Each structure stands twice: as C-alpha cells, then as structure tokens.
Amino acid sequence: MDDVVLTSEDKAALEELRSQLDRYEKSTANLIPILQMIQEKVKFLPPAAIKMVAGFLEIPSSQVYGVATFYNQFKFNPPGKNPIKVCLGTACHVRAGDIILENFERKLGIREGETTEDREFSIDRVACVGCCALAPVAIMGKTVHGHMAPSKVEGLVMRVQIEREKAERERQKNESGQN
C-alpha cells in the first residue's frame, strides 16, 4: 500500500481535506464519515490520508486501516481514468467471466483491485451488473460490453490507447498553432 504515488492533484486535495477535519469532533465515531469525505474527494484512501486521520483522531494508523479495510466501499488504489469492471455473477461466471478478467489483467499487467502506473486503467471484479442475458459482461467506463470474449479484450484496451494518442496529437497541434 505504501507504494502508491500521489499526483500533485492528490496532494492538493489532501491538504484541502486536512483543513476540513476541524469540522469534526475528535471522536472515533467520526472515523467512517471522515474516511468517506476523503474518498469522495480523492477517490481512494492513500497511506498519507490514513496517517492524517490517525493523527487527527489520535489513534493508531492500524486502527484506521482496520476499519477502512472492513468496508468494501473504501478503495486503497487510485481509480483509473478508464475503470474496468468484470462481472463474475452466476451467469457471467458460468460463461467464463473469470477468463475475461484474466485477459484484462494480463493485457494491462495489473491484478484486480489495481491501477496501471499511468492511472489510465483499473480493474475490479463485481458480483453482478444486472445484464445476465448479455453474459459475460465487462463495463469499461460507463459502457457495458456484453457477450465478451477473450479476443475482445485487446481491442477494447487498444481503442482507449488510440483515442488517447489521437487526443494528444490534437492537443500538440493546437498548442503549436496549426489548424
């Protein structure tokens, strides 16, 4: 967990949140609301946030971490710009959803619950997305991809990478004053 690299935006958000802690009484009863506030702003709970909360509430970091890991609403890795959710509910599981998950992990070089170093992609396993007739299902961003096949994984990832490169070329073109 300590190997999470904070961006300048993450650091700025944590500094802003540090000043908002004063709104809370120094009571462990406020631990979950404080963690929720941090996650809402930063989108995950970095180690620096765990230490900050522990210092504010004057409790061990291990206690903050223990509470946060108990609830699945809290994330400890930053979300990717393109979050991928692979359904492993019953219908998707029996139609090899686990193989779809493995292919995303292999293609991106990360495991479920992790985010690529460039924060472009993150992968999560979900229990059910309510699209059983389309099984197996993966969701990339807000787009549902039904009847997924292992061969479709590379194309989905490549499409995002091509769009990113295209946007970067367009940005460079605009910056250089070309039309």
N, C-alpha and C. Protein backbone atom coordinates (compact mmCIF):
# COMPACT_ATOMS: atom_id res chain seq x y z
N MET A 1 0.82 -1.19 0.00
CA MET A 1 0.00 0.00 0.00
C MET A 1 0.86 1.26 0.00
N ASP A 2 2.02 1.23 0.62
CA ASP A 2 2.85 2.43 0.71
C ASP A 2 3.48 2.83 -0.61
N ASP A 3 3.34 2.00 -1.67
CA ASP A 3 3.98 2.33 -2.94
C ASP A 3 3.08 3.17 -3.86
N VAL A 4 1.94 3.64 -3.36
CA VAL A 4 1.05 4.49 -4.14
C VAL A 4 1.71 5.86 -4.29
N VAL A 5 1.88 6.29 -5.54
CA VAL A 5 2.48 7.58 -5.81
C VAL A 5 1.36 8.61 -5.96
N LEU A 6 1.44 9.65 -5.16
CA LEU A 6 0.42 10.69 -5.20
C LEU A 6 0.73 11.71 -6.28
N THR A 7 -0.29 12.09 -7.03
CA THR A 7 -0.13 13.15 -8.02
C THR A 7 -0.20 14.49 -7.29
N SER A 8 0.12 15.55 -8.00
CA SER A 8 0.02 16.88 -7.39
C SER A 8 -1.43 17.18 -7.03
N GLU A 9 -2.38 16.68 -7.84
CA GLU A 9 -3.80 16.87 -7.53
C GLU A 9 -4.18 16.14 -6.25
N ASP A 10 -3.66 14.91 -6.08
CA ASP A 10 -3.93 14.14 -4.85
C ASP A 10 -3.41 14.90 -3.63
N LYS A 11 -2.19 15.41 -3.74
CA LYS A 11 -1.58 16.12 -2.61
C LYS A 11 -2.36 17.39 -2.27
N ALA A 12 -2.79 18.12 -3.29
CA ALA A 12 -3.56 19.34 -3.07
C ALA A 12 -4.90 19.01 -2.41
N ALA A 13 -5.54 17.93 -2.86
CA ALA A 13 -6.82 17.52 -2.27
C ALA A 13 -6.65 17.13 -0.82
N LEU A 14 -5.57 16.42 -0.49
CA LEU A 14 -5.33 16.03 0.90
C LEU A 14 -5.07 17.25 1.78
N GLU A 15 -4.35 18.23 1.26
CA GLU A 15 -4.11 19.45 2.03
C GLU A 15 -5.41 20.19 2.30
N GLU A 16 -6.26 20.25 1.29
CA GLU A 16 -7.56 20.90 1.46
C GLU A 16 -8.40 20.14 2.50
N LEU A 17 -8.35 18.82 2.45
CA LEU A 17 -9.11 18.00 3.39
C LEU A 17 -8.59 18.14 4.82
N ARG A 18 -7.29 18.32 4.94
CA ARG A 18 -6.69 18.48 6.28
C ARG A 18 -7.36 19.65 7.02
N SER A 19 -7.62 20.72 6.30
CA SER A 19 -8.26 21.88 6.94
C SER A 19 -9.74 21.61 7.25
N GLN A 20 -10.35 20.68 6.55
CA GLN A 20 -11.76 20.36 6.78
C GLN A 20 -11.97 19.41 7.96
N LEU A 21 -10.90 18.81 8.44
CA LEU A 21 -11.02 17.89 9.57
C LEU A 21 -11.52 18.60 10.83
N ASP A 22 -11.22 19.88 10.94
CA ASP A 22 -11.65 20.65 12.11
C ASP A 22 -13.16 20.71 12.27
N ARG A 23 -13.90 20.40 11.22
CA ARG A 23 -15.36 20.38 11.31
C ARG A 23 -15.85 19.20 12.16
N TYR A 24 -14.96 18.22 12.33
CA TYR A 24 -15.34 17.01 13.06
C TYR A 24 -14.82 17.04 14.48
N GLU A 25 -15.61 16.49 15.38
CA GLU A 25 -15.17 16.29 16.75
C GLU A 25 -14.14 15.16 16.74
N LYS A 26 -13.13 15.28 17.60
CA LYS A 26 -12.09 14.24 17.67
C LYS A 26 -12.64 13.02 18.40
N SER A 27 -13.43 12.24 17.69
CA SER A 27 -14.06 11.05 18.25
C SER A 27 -14.00 9.94 17.21
N THR A 28 -13.76 8.72 17.67
CA THR A 28 -13.71 7.60 16.72
C THR A 28 -15.07 7.38 16.06
N ALA A 29 -16.13 7.93 16.63
CA ALA A 29 -17.45 7.85 16.00
C ALA A 29 -17.45 8.57 14.65
N ASN A 30 -16.50 9.46 14.45
CA ASN A 30 -16.41 10.21 13.19
C ASN A 30 -15.45 9.58 12.18
N LEU A 31 -14.88 8.44 12.54
CA LEU A 31 -13.88 7.82 11.65
C LEU A 31 -14.46 7.53 10.27
N ILE A 32 -15.58 6.85 10.20
CA ILE A 32 -16.15 6.49 8.90
C ILE A 32 -16.58 7.72 8.11
N PRO A 33 -17.28 8.67 8.71
CA PRO A 33 -17.62 9.88 7.93
C PRO A 33 -16.38 10.62 7.40
N ILE A 34 -15.32 10.64 8.18
CA ILE A 34 -14.08 11.29 7.72
C ILE A 34 -13.50 10.53 6.54
N LEU A 35 -13.44 9.20 6.65
CA LEU A 35 -12.92 8.38 5.54
C LEU A 35 -13.78 8.55 4.30
N GLN A 36 -15.09 8.62 4.46
CA GLN A 36 -15.98 8.83 3.32
C GLN A 36 -15.74 10.18 2.66
N MET A 37 -15.52 11.20 3.48
CA MET A 37 -15.25 12.54 2.94
C MET A 37 -13.96 12.51 2.11
N ILE A 38 -12.93 11.84 2.64
CA ILE A 38 -11.65 11.78 1.92
C ILE A 38 -11.82 11.02 0.61
N GLN A 39 -12.47 9.87 0.68
CA GLN A 39 -12.62 9.08 -0.54
C GLN A 39 -13.46 9.82 -1.59
N GLU A 40 -14.46 10.55 -1.16
CA GLU A 40 -15.27 11.30 -2.10
C GLU A 40 -14.42 12.33 -2.85
N LYS A 41 -13.50 12.95 -2.16
CA LYS A 41 -12.67 13.99 -2.76
C LYS A 41 -11.48 13.41 -3.56
N VAL A 42 -10.78 12.44 -2.96
CA VAL A 42 -9.55 11.92 -3.58
C VAL A 42 -9.82 10.67 -4.43
N LYS A 43 -10.95 10.02 -4.22
CA LYS A 43 -11.39 8.82 -4.92
C LYS A 43 -10.75 7.53 -4.40
N PHE A 44 -9.87 7.63 -3.43
CA PHE A 44 -9.28 6.47 -2.76
C PHE A 44 -8.65 6.94 -1.46
N LEU A 45 -8.21 5.98 -0.64
CA LEU A 45 -7.59 6.33 0.65
C LEU A 45 -6.09 6.02 0.59
N PRO A 46 -5.28 7.00 0.23
CA PRO A 46 -3.83 6.77 0.19
C PRO A 46 -3.27 6.66 1.62
N PRO A 47 -2.10 6.05 1.76
CA PRO A 47 -1.48 5.92 3.08
C PRO A 47 -1.37 7.26 3.82
N ALA A 48 -1.10 8.33 3.09
CA ALA A 48 -0.99 9.65 3.73
C ALA A 48 -2.31 10.06 4.38
N ALA A 49 -3.42 9.69 3.77
CA ALA A 49 -4.73 10.01 4.34
C ALA A 49 -4.98 9.19 5.60
N ILE A 50 -4.59 7.93 5.59
CA ILE A 50 -4.75 7.06 6.76
C ILE A 50 -3.97 7.66 7.93
N LYS A 51 -2.73 8.09 7.66
CA LYS A 51 -1.89 8.69 8.72
C LYS A 51 -2.47 10.01 9.20
N MET A 52 -2.99 10.80 8.26
CA MET A 52 -3.57 12.09 8.62
C MET A 52 -4.78 11.90 9.55
N VAL A 53 -5.64 10.95 9.22
CA VAL A 53 -6.83 10.69 10.04
C VAL A 53 -6.42 10.15 11.40
N ALA A 54 -5.45 9.24 11.42
CA ALA A 54 -4.97 8.69 12.68
C ALA A 54 -4.42 9.79 13.58
N GLY A 55 -3.65 10.70 13.01
CA GLY A 55 -3.11 11.81 13.78
C GLY A 55 -4.20 12.72 14.31
N PHE A 56 -5.19 13.00 13.48
CA PHE A 56 -6.28 13.87 13.90
C PHE A 56 -7.08 13.24 15.04
N LEU A 57 -7.42 11.95 14.89
CA LEU A 57 -8.23 11.29 15.91
C LEU A 57 -7.41 10.75 17.08
N GLU A 58 -6.08 10.87 16.95
CA GLU A 58 -5.16 10.39 17.99
C GLU A 58 -5.36 8.90 18.28
N ILE A 59 -5.39 8.13 17.18
CA ILE A 59 -5.48 6.68 17.27
C ILE A 59 -4.42 6.09 16.35
N PRO A 60 -4.06 4.82 16.53
CA PRO A 60 -3.05 4.23 15.66
C PRO A 60 -3.52 4.13 14.19
N SER A 61 -2.60 4.27 13.28
CA SER A 61 -2.92 4.12 11.86
C SER A 61 -3.51 2.74 11.59
N SER A 62 -3.03 1.75 12.32
CA SER A 62 -3.53 0.38 12.12
C SER A 62 -5.02 0.29 12.43
N GLN A 63 -5.49 1.08 13.37
CA GLN A 63 -6.92 1.07 13.69
C GLN A 63 -7.73 1.71 12.55
N VAL A 64 -7.24 2.79 12.00
CA VAL A 64 -7.91 3.45 10.87
C VAL A 64 -7.94 2.48 9.69
N TYR A 65 -6.80 1.88 9.40
CA TYR A 65 -6.70 0.94 8.29
C TYR A 65 -7.61 -0.27 8.51
N GLY A 66 -7.67 -0.77 9.73
CA GLY A 66 -8.51 -1.91 10.05
C GLY A 66 -9.99 -1.62 9.80
N VAL A 67 -10.43 -0.45 10.19
CA VAL A 67 -11.83 -0.06 9.94
C VAL A 67 -12.06 0.10 8.45
N ALA A 68 -11.15 0.77 7.76
CA ALA A 68 -11.33 1.03 6.33
C ALA A 68 -11.35 -0.27 5.52
N THR A 69 -10.52 -1.24 5.89
CA THR A 69 -10.49 -2.49 5.13
C THR A 69 -11.70 -3.36 5.41
N PHE A 70 -12.40 -3.10 6.50
CA PHE A 70 -13.59 -3.89 6.83
C PHE A 70 -14.72 -3.60 5.84
N TYR A 71 -14.80 -2.37 5.35
CA TYR A 71 -15.88 -1.95 4.46
C TYR A 71 -15.39 -1.93 3.01
N ASN A 72 -16.15 -2.59 2.12
CA ASN A 72 -15.70 -2.65 0.73
C ASN A 72 -15.93 -1.35 -0.03
N GLN A 73 -16.54 -0.35 0.60
CA GLN A 73 -16.73 0.94 -0.08
C GLN A 73 -15.42 1.71 -0.20
N PHE A 74 -14.43 1.35 0.63
CA PHE A 74 -13.17 2.09 0.61
C PHE A 74 -12.16 1.43 -0.31
N LYS A 75 -11.50 2.25 -1.11
CA LYS A 75 -10.50 1.78 -2.07
C LYS A 75 -9.14 2.31 -1.64
N PHE A 76 -8.11 1.52 -1.87
CA PHE A 76 -6.76 1.88 -1.45
C PHE A 76 -5.83 2.14 -2.62
N ASN A 77 -6.36 1.98 -3.83
CA ASN A 77 -5.61 2.30 -5.03
C ASN A 77 -6.40 3.36 -5.81
N PRO A 78 -5.70 4.26 -6.47
CA PRO A 78 -6.41 5.29 -7.24
C PRO A 78 -7.18 4.65 -8.38
N PRO A 79 -8.35 5.16 -8.70
CA PRO A 79 -9.09 4.61 -9.84
C PRO A 79 -8.45 5.03 -11.15
N GLY A 80 -8.57 4.20 -12.15
CA GLY A 80 -8.06 4.56 -13.46
C GLY A 80 -9.02 5.49 -14.17
N LYS A 81 -8.51 6.21 -15.15
CA LYS A 81 -9.39 7.07 -15.96
C LYS A 81 -10.41 6.22 -16.71
N ASN A 82 -10.02 4.99 -16.98
CA ASN A 82 -10.89 4.03 -17.65
C ASN A 82 -11.07 2.83 -16.74
N PRO A 83 -11.99 2.93 -15.79
CA PRO A 83 -12.19 1.80 -14.88
C PRO A 83 -12.87 0.65 -15.62
N ILE A 84 -12.39 -0.55 -15.34
CA ILE A 84 -12.96 -1.75 -15.95
C ILE A 84 -13.55 -2.59 -14.83
N LYS A 85 -14.80 -2.97 -15.00
CA LYS A 85 -15.45 -3.85 -14.04
C LYS A 85 -15.84 -5.11 -14.79
N VAL A 86 -15.36 -6.23 -14.29
CA VAL A 86 -15.68 -7.52 -14.91
C VAL A 86 -16.67 -8.23 -14.00
N CYS A 87 -17.82 -8.58 -14.57
CA CYS A 87 -18.86 -9.24 -13.81
C CYS A 87 -18.50 -10.71 -13.61
N LEU A 88 -18.63 -11.15 -12.38
CA LEU A 88 -18.42 -12.57 -12.08
C LEU A 88 -19.62 -13.12 -11.30
N GLY A 89 -20.80 -12.53 -11.56
CA GLY A 89 -22.03 -13.08 -11.03
C GLY A 89 -22.26 -14.45 -11.65
N THR A 90 -23.28 -15.13 -11.23
CA THR A 90 -23.51 -16.51 -11.66
C THR A 90 -23.53 -16.67 -13.18
N ALA A 91 -24.33 -15.88 -13.87
CA ALA A 91 -24.43 -16.02 -15.33
C ALA A 91 -23.09 -15.76 -16.01
N CYS A 92 -22.38 -14.73 -15.57
CA CYS A 92 -21.09 -14.40 -16.18
C CYS A 92 -20.03 -15.44 -15.79
N HIS A 93 -20.10 -15.90 -14.55
CA HIS A 93 -19.14 -16.91 -14.09
C HIS A 93 -19.24 -18.19 -14.91
N VAL A 94 -20.46 -18.68 -15.13
CA VAL A 94 -20.60 -19.93 -15.89
C VAL A 94 -20.27 -19.76 -17.36
N ARG A 95 -20.22 -18.52 -17.82
CA ARG A 95 -19.83 -18.26 -19.21
C ARG A 95 -18.41 -17.72 -19.30
N ALA A 96 -17.58 -18.11 -18.33
CA ALA A 96 -16.13 -17.84 -18.35
C ALA A 96 -15.76 -16.38 -18.12
N GLY A 97 -16.50 -15.69 -17.26
CA GLY A 97 -16.14 -14.32 -16.89
C GLY A 97 -14.76 -14.24 -16.27
N ASP A 98 -14.36 -15.31 -15.57
CA ASP A 98 -13.03 -15.30 -14.96
C ASP A 98 -11.93 -15.26 -16.01
N ILE A 99 -12.17 -15.82 -17.17
CA ILE A 99 -11.16 -15.78 -18.24
C ILE A 99 -11.08 -14.36 -18.81
N ILE A 100 -12.21 -13.68 -18.87
CA ILE A 100 -12.22 -12.27 -19.32
C ILE A 100 -11.38 -11.44 -18.36
N LEU A 101 -11.61 -11.64 -17.05
CA LEU A 101 -10.85 -10.92 -16.02
C LEU A 101 -9.35 -11.21 -16.18
N GLU A 102 -8.99 -12.46 -16.33
CA GLU A 102 -7.58 -12.83 -16.50
C GLU A 102 -6.97 -12.16 -17.73
N ASN A 103 -7.73 -12.08 -18.81
CA ASN A 103 -7.20 -11.44 -20.03
C ASN A 103 -6.95 -9.95 -19.82
N PHE A 104 -7.87 -9.26 -19.13
CA PHE A 104 -7.64 -7.85 -18.83
C PHE A 104 -6.39 -7.71 -17.95
N GLU A 105 -6.27 -8.56 -16.94
CA GLU A 105 -5.10 -8.50 -16.05
C GLU A 105 -3.80 -8.70 -16.84
N ARG A 106 -3.81 -9.69 -17.71
CA ARG A 106 -2.61 -9.99 -18.49
C ARG A 106 -2.29 -8.85 -19.45
N LYS A 107 -3.30 -8.33 -20.13
CA LYS A 107 -3.08 -7.26 -21.12
C LYS A 107 -2.56 -5.98 -20.46
N LEU A 108 -3.10 -5.67 -19.27
CA LEU A 108 -2.73 -4.41 -18.61
C LEU A 108 -1.57 -4.56 -17.62
N GLY A 109 -1.21 -5.79 -17.29
CA GLY A 109 -0.10 -6.01 -16.37
C GLY A 109 -0.43 -5.67 -14.93
N ILE A 110 -1.71 -5.73 -14.58
CA ILE A 110 -2.14 -5.47 -13.20
C ILE A 110 -3.12 -6.55 -12.78
N ARG A 111 -3.38 -6.64 -11.48
CA ARG A 111 -4.34 -7.60 -10.95
C ARG A 111 -5.62 -6.85 -10.59
N GLU A 112 -6.68 -7.62 -10.33
CA GLU A 112 -7.94 -6.99 -9.93
C GLU A 112 -7.70 -6.15 -8.69
N GLY A 113 -8.36 -5.00 -8.61
CA GLY A 113 -8.18 -4.09 -7.49
C GLY A 113 -7.01 -3.15 -7.67
N GLU A 114 -6.29 -3.28 -8.77
CA GLU A 114 -5.12 -2.43 -9.01
C GLU A 114 -5.37 -1.45 -10.15
N THR A 115 -4.44 -0.52 -10.27
CA THR A 115 -4.50 0.52 -11.30
C THR A 115 -3.15 0.56 -12.02
N THR A 116 -3.18 0.78 -13.33
CA THR A 116 -1.92 0.87 -14.07
C THR A 116 -1.13 2.07 -13.56
N GLU A 117 0.17 2.00 -13.73
CA GLU A 117 1.05 3.04 -13.21
C GLU A 117 0.69 4.43 -13.74
N ASP A 118 0.24 4.49 -15.01
CA ASP A 118 -0.13 5.78 -15.60
C ASP A 118 -1.55 6.21 -15.23
N ARG A 119 -2.21 5.41 -14.39
CA ARG A 119 -3.58 5.65 -13.92
C ARG A 119 -4.60 5.69 -15.05
N GLU A 120 -4.26 5.05 -16.15
CA GLU A 120 -5.18 5.02 -17.28
C GLU A 120 -6.28 3.97 -17.07
N PHE A 121 -5.92 2.80 -16.50
CA PHE A 121 -6.87 1.71 -16.32
C PHE A 121 -6.84 1.18 -14.89
N SER A 122 -7.99 0.73 -14.42
CA SER A 122 -8.08 -0.03 -13.17
C SER A 122 -9.06 -1.16 -13.43
N ILE A 123 -8.87 -2.25 -12.70
CA ILE A 123 -9.73 -3.43 -12.88
C ILE A 123 -10.35 -3.81 -11.55
N ASP A 124 -11.65 -4.06 -11.58
CA ASP A 124 -12.35 -4.57 -10.41
C ASP A 124 -13.27 -5.70 -10.82
N ARG A 125 -13.44 -6.62 -9.90
CA ARG A 125 -14.38 -7.72 -10.05
C ARG A 125 -15.67 -7.27 -9.38
N VAL A 126 -16.80 -7.48 -10.04
CA VAL A 126 -18.08 -7.14 -9.43
C VAL A 126 -18.97 -8.39 -9.42
N ALA A 127 -19.90 -8.41 -8.47
CA ALA A 127 -20.74 -9.60 -8.27
C ALA A 127 -21.81 -9.73 -9.35
N CYS A 128 -22.42 -8.64 -9.75
CA CYS A 128 -23.47 -8.70 -10.77
C CYS A 128 -23.75 -7.29 -11.25
N VAL A 129 -23.94 -7.15 -12.56
CA VAL A 129 -24.27 -5.83 -13.11
C VAL A 129 -25.70 -5.81 -13.64
N GLY A 130 -26.42 -6.91 -13.48
CA GLY A 130 -27.82 -6.95 -13.87
C GLY A 130 -28.06 -7.09 -15.36
N CYS A 131 -27.09 -7.60 -16.08
CA CYS A 131 -27.23 -7.80 -17.53
C CYS A 131 -27.01 -9.27 -17.87
N CYS A 132 -27.64 -10.14 -17.12
CA CYS A 132 -27.37 -11.58 -17.23
C CYS A 132 -27.59 -12.12 -18.64
N ALA A 133 -28.53 -11.56 -19.38
CA ALA A 133 -28.78 -12.03 -20.75
C ALA A 133 -27.61 -11.72 -21.68
N LEU A 134 -26.74 -10.80 -21.27
CA LEU A 134 -25.59 -10.42 -22.09
C LEU A 134 -24.30 -11.10 -21.64
N ALA A 135 -24.38 -12.02 -20.70
CA ALA A 135 -23.20 -12.65 -20.10
C ALA A 135 -22.30 -13.30 -21.16
N PRO A 136 -20.98 -13.23 -20.90
CA PRO A 136 -20.29 -12.50 -19.85
C PRO A 136 -20.19 -11.01 -20.18
N VAL A 137 -20.13 -10.20 -19.13
CA VAL A 137 -20.18 -8.75 -19.27
C VAL A 137 -18.96 -8.09 -18.64
N ALA A 138 -18.46 -7.05 -19.30
CA ALA A 138 -17.44 -6.17 -18.74
C ALA A 138 -17.92 -4.75 -18.96
N ILE A 139 -17.65 -3.89 -18.02
CA ILE A 139 -18.01 -2.48 -18.16
C ILE A 139 -16.71 -1.68 -18.19
N MET A 140 -16.55 -0.88 -19.23
CA MET A 140 -15.38 -0.02 -19.33
C MET A 140 -15.90 1.41 -19.32
N GLY A 141 -15.54 2.13 -18.26
CA GLY A 141 -16.10 3.46 -18.08
C GLY A 141 -17.58 3.29 -17.78
N LYS A 142 -18.43 3.82 -18.64
CA LYS A 142 -19.87 3.67 -18.45
C LYS A 142 -20.50 2.79 -19.53
N THR A 143 -19.65 2.18 -20.36
CA THR A 143 -20.15 1.38 -21.47
C THR A 143 -20.16 -0.10 -21.10
N VAL A 144 -21.32 -0.72 -21.26
CA VAL A 144 -21.47 -2.15 -20.99
C VAL A 144 -21.09 -2.91 -22.26
N HIS A 145 -20.21 -3.86 -22.12
CA HIS A 145 -19.80 -4.72 -23.23
C HIS A 145 -20.29 -6.12 -22.94
N GLY A 146 -21.36 -6.51 -23.63
CA GLY A 146 -21.94 -7.83 -23.43
C GLY A 146 -21.37 -8.85 -24.37
N HIS A 147 -21.64 -10.10 -24.06
CA HIS A 147 -21.15 -11.24 -24.85
C HIS A 147 -19.64 -11.11 -25.07
N MET A 148 -18.95 -10.74 -23.99
CA MET A 148 -17.50 -10.57 -24.06
C MET A 148 -16.83 -11.90 -24.41
N ALA A 149 -15.78 -11.77 -25.16
CA ALA A 149 -14.94 -12.92 -25.49
C ALA A 149 -13.51 -12.51 -25.17
N PRO A 150 -12.68 -13.46 -24.82
CA PRO A 150 -11.28 -13.11 -24.54
C PRO A 150 -10.63 -12.32 -25.68
N SER A 151 -11.01 -12.61 -26.91
CA SER A 151 -10.43 -11.92 -28.06
C SER A 151 -10.83 -10.45 -28.14
N LYS A 152 -11.89 -10.04 -27.44
CA LYS A 152 -12.34 -8.64 -27.47
C LYS A 152 -11.55 -7.75 -26.51
N VAL A 153 -10.89 -8.34 -25.54
CA VAL A 153 -10.19 -7.57 -24.51
C VAL A 153 -9.14 -6.65 -25.11
N GLU A 154 -8.29 -7.19 -25.95
CA GLU A 154 -7.21 -6.39 -26.53
C GLU A 154 -7.76 -5.23 -27.34
N GLY A 155 -8.83 -5.46 -28.09
CA GLY A 155 -9.44 -4.40 -28.89
C GLY A 155 -9.97 -3.26 -28.04
N LEU A 156 -10.61 -3.59 -26.91
CA LEU A 156 -11.13 -2.54 -26.02
C LEU A 156 -10.01 -1.68 -25.45
N VAL A 157 -8.95 -2.34 -25.01
CA VAL A 157 -7.81 -1.60 -24.44
C VAL A 157 -7.14 -0.77 -25.52
N MET A 158 -6.97 -1.37 -26.69
CA MET A 158 -6.31 -0.66 -27.78
C MET A 158 -7.12 0.56 -28.22
N ARG A 159 -8.45 0.45 -28.22
CA ARG A 159 -9.31 1.58 -28.61
C ARG A 159 -9.06 2.78 -27.70
N VAL A 160 -8.95 2.54 -26.41
CA VAL A 160 -8.70 3.62 -25.46
C VAL A 160 -7.32 4.23 -25.71
N GLN A 161 -6.33 3.38 -25.94
CA GLN A 161 -4.97 3.87 -26.18
C GLN A 161 -4.90 4.70 -27.46
N ILE A 162 -5.60 4.27 -28.50
CA ILE A 162 -5.61 5.01 -29.76
C ILE A 162 -6.29 6.36 -29.57
N GLU A 163 -7.42 6.38 -28.86
CA GLU A 163 -8.12 7.64 -28.59
C GLU A 163 -7.24 8.60 -27.79
N ARG A 164 -6.49 8.06 -26.83
CA ARG A 164 -5.60 8.90 -26.02
C ARG A 164 -4.50 9.50 -26.90
N GLU A 165 -3.90 8.69 -27.77
CA GLU A 165 -2.85 9.17 -28.67
C GLU A 165 -3.40 10.22 -29.65
N LYS A 166 -4.60 9.98 -30.13
CA LYS A 166 -5.25 10.92 -31.05
C LYS A 166 -5.49 12.26 -30.35
N ALA A 167 -5.99 12.23 -29.13
CA ALA A 167 -6.22 13.45 -28.36
C ALA A 167 -4.91 14.18 -28.08
N GLU A 168 -3.86 13.43 -27.81
CA GLU A 168 -2.55 14.05 -27.54
C GLU A 168 -2.01 14.74 -28.80
N ARG A 169 -2.15 14.08 -29.96
CA ARG A 169 -1.71 14.70 -31.22
C ARG A 169 -2.50 15.98 -31.49
N GLU A 170 -3.80 15.93 -31.25
CA GLU A 170 -4.67 17.10 -31.45
C GLU A 170 -4.26 18.24 -30.51
N ARG A 171 -3.96 17.90 -29.27
CA ARG A 171 -3.53 18.89 -28.29
C ARG A 171 -2.23 19.55 -28.74
N GLN A 172 -1.27 18.73 -29.18
CA GLN A 172 0.02 19.26 -29.64
C GLN A 172 -0.16 20.14 -30.87
N LYS A 173 -1.04 19.73 -31.74
CA LYS A 173 -1.32 20.50 -32.96
C LYS A 173 -1.90 21.87 -32.59
N ASN A 174 -2.83 21.90 -31.64
CA ASN A 174 -3.45 23.15 -31.20
C ASN A 174 -2.45 24.05 -30.49
N GLU A 175 -1.57 23.45 -29.70
CA GLU A 175 -0.56 24.24 -28.98
C GLU A 175 0.45 24.87 -29.92
N SER A 176 0.75 24.18 -31.01
CA SER A 176 1.74 24.71 -31.94
C SER A 176 1.12 25.75 -32.89
N GLY A 177 -0.21 25.95 -32.78
CA GLY A 177 -0.87 26.99 -33.58
C GLY A 177 -1.29 26.52 -34.94
N GLN A 178 -1.14 25.23 -35.22
CA GLN A 178 -1.58 24.71 -36.51
C GLN A 178 -3.07 24.44 -36.48
N ASN A 179 -3.70 24.54 -37.62
CA ASN A 179 -5.14 24.23 -37.72
C ASN A 179 -5.37 23.11 -38.63
